[in-house]
Protein backbone atom coordinates (compact mmCIF):
# COMPACT_ATOMS: atom_id res chain seq x y z
CA MET A 1 -12.31 -7.95 -1.60
CA LYS A 2 -9.34 -8.61 0.66
CA LYS A 3 -5.78 -7.53 -0.18
CA TYR A 4 -2.65 -8.94 1.49
CA ASN A 5 0.87 -7.89 2.41
CA GLU A 6 3.94 -10.13 2.61
CA GLU A 7 3.67 -10.24 6.42
CA HIS A 8 0.33 -12.10 6.06
CA GLU A 9 -2.03 -9.34 7.14
CA TRP A 10 -5.23 -8.80 5.18
CA VAL A 11 -7.13 -5.59 4.62
CA GLU A 12 -10.68 -5.08 3.41
CA VAL A 13 -11.85 -1.58 2.52
CA ASN A 14 -15.32 -0.12 2.85
CA GLY A 15 -15.32 3.57 1.90
CA GLU A 16 -12.43 5.16 3.77
CA ILE A 17 -12.40 2.53 6.54
CA ALA A 18 -9.93 -0.34 6.26
CA THR A 19 -10.49 -3.48 8.32
CA VAL A 20 -7.30 -5.42 9.13
CA GLY A 21 -6.66 -8.97 10.32
CA ILE A 22 -4.18 -11.81 9.85
CA SER A 23 -4.45 -14.60 7.32
CA THR A 24 -5.27 -18.23 7.96
CA TYR A 25 -1.74 -19.03 6.77
CA ALA A 26 -0.29 -16.78 9.48
CA VAL A 27 -2.39 -18.45 12.17
CA GLU A 28 -1.34 -21.91 10.94
CA GLN A 29 2.32 -20.88 11.14
CA LEU A 30 1.91 -19.43 14.63
CA GLY A 31 -0.08 -22.27 16.14
CA ASP A 32 -2.66 -21.68 18.86
CA ILE A 33 -2.79 -17.97 19.66
CA THR A 34 -2.81 -17.36 23.41
CA PHE A 35 -2.31 -13.57 23.74
CA ILE A 36 -2.76 -10.41 21.68
CA GLU A 37 -1.68 -6.85 22.26
CA LEU A 38 -3.85 -4.46 20.28
CA PRO A 39 -2.83 -1.11 18.75
CA GLU A 40 -3.65 2.17 20.48
CA MET A 41 -6.86 3.93 19.52
CA ASP A 42 -6.43 7.11 17.46
CA ALA A 43 -2.78 6.29 16.72
CA GLU A 44 -1.48 7.54 13.37
CA VAL A 45 0.26 4.63 11.66
CA SER A 46 2.24 4.28 8.45
CA MET A 47 2.25 1.38 6.02
CA SER A 48 4.36 -1.52 7.38
CA ASP A 49 4.52 -0.15 10.95
CA SER A 50 4.41 -2.75 13.70
CA VAL A 51 1.13 -1.92 15.47
CA ALA A 52 0.15 -5.02 17.45
CA PHE A 53 1.60 -8.26 18.77
CA VAL A 54 0.45 -11.87 19.06
CA GLU A 55 1.83 -14.76 21.08
CA SER A 56 1.12 -18.41 20.44
CA VAL A 57 2.25 -21.74 21.80
CA LYS A 58 4.97 -21.78 19.11
CA ALA A 59 6.03 -18.19 18.54
CA ALA A 60 5.52 -14.48 19.04
CA SER A 61 4.97 -12.16 16.13
CA ASP A 62 4.40 -8.51 15.34
CA ILE A 63 1.34 -7.47 13.37
CA TYR A 64 2.03 -4.82 10.74
CA THR A 65 -0.42 -2.38 9.23
CA PRO A 66 -0.80 -3.00 5.50
CA ILE A 67 -1.71 0.65 4.85
CA SER A 68 -1.41 4.06 6.51
CA GLY A 69 -4.10 5.78 8.53
CA GLU A 70 -5.57 6.46 11.96
CA ILE A 71 -6.68 3.57 14.18
CA CYS A 72 -10.42 4.09 14.66
CA GLU A 73 -11.52 0.77 16.18
CA ILE A 74 -9.88 -2.19 17.91
CA ASN A 75 -11.37 -5.62 18.48
CA GLU A 76 -11.32 -5.56 22.29
CA ALA A 77 -13.02 -8.97 22.47
CA LEU A 78 -9.69 -10.49 21.37
CA LEU A 79 -8.11 -9.41 24.67
CA ASP A 80 -10.26 -11.99 26.48
CA THR A 81 -10.55 -14.55 23.67
CA PRO A 82 -7.52 -14.34 21.34
CA GLU A 83 -8.16 -17.96 20.34
CA VAL A 84 -11.01 -16.72 18.11
CA LEU A 85 -8.29 -15.98 15.56
CA ASN A 86 -7.43 -19.69 15.46
CA GLU A 87 -11.01 -20.54 14.55
CA ASP A 88 -11.78 -17.76 12.04
CA ALA A 89 -8.73 -15.70 11.09
CA MET A 90 -10.26 -14.43 7.85
CA GLY A 91 -13.51 -13.37 9.53
CA THR A 92 -12.02 -11.79 12.66
CA PHE A 93 -10.64 -8.28 12.47
CA ILE A 94 -7.89 -6.99 14.76
CA PHE A 95 -8.29 -3.28 14.10
CA LYS A 96 -9.84 -0.77 11.73
CA LEU A 97 -8.33 2.41 10.48
CA LYS A 98 -9.35 5.48 8.56
CA MET A 99 -7.13 5.35 5.49
CA SER A 100 -4.86 8.29 4.75
CA ASN A 101 -3.57 7.03 1.38
CA ALA A 102 -5.81 4.67 -0.61
CA ASP A 103 -3.15 4.47 -3.35
CA GLU A 104 -1.15 2.17 -1.04
CA LEU A 105 -3.71 -0.56 -1.72
CA ASP A 106 -2.25 -0.88 -5.24
CA SER A 107 0.98 -2.29 -3.78
CA LEU A 108 -0.80 -5.14 -1.98
CA MET A 109 -1.56 -8.61 -3.34
CA ASN A 110 -4.99 -9.84 -4.38
CA GLU A 111 -6.19 -13.31 -3.31
CA ASP A 112 -4.62 -15.15 -6.28
CA GLU A 113 -1.30 -13.34 -5.90
CA TYR A 114 -1.27 -14.06 -2.17
CA GLN A 115 -1.99 -17.78 -2.72
CA SER A 116 0.92 -17.93 -5.19
CA PHE A 117 3.12 -16.06 -2.69
CA ILE A 118 2.45 -18.48 0.18
CA ALA A 119 2.83 -21.49 -2.14
CA SER A 120 6.35 -20.28 -2.92
CA LEU A 121 7.40 -20.09 0.75
C-alpha cells in the first residue's frame, strides 16, 4: 500500500526497504519530464530532505524523501529515459532506501487522504 506526502511523493514499504516515486498528479503538474538528477547511493537522508531533482518542459522541481533512511538503490534507467515517469509515475520508482524510522510512515497520507488533499488544491 502506497503512502503519500504533501510534496506528492509516494512510498511503498516491503520489510525495511521503502520504494519512493512521484505521483501521477505531480507528473501532470510538471508536464513532460525531460531530465532527472538522482540521489547519491548510500546517502543518509532525513524525512522531507530534498534528495533529487526533475526538470520538465514547464518547470523544475525538487524531489523530497517522505521518510528517513539510507539510499540503497537508485533507478539509473531514468537517467537515459526520464520520460518513463510521464507514462507510469505510480509504477516507476526513483530510489529505494533502508528505513531508519518506520514510525514516520504514520504521518503520511493513505490513498483516500491523498486524493482528498489533491482535490482541495
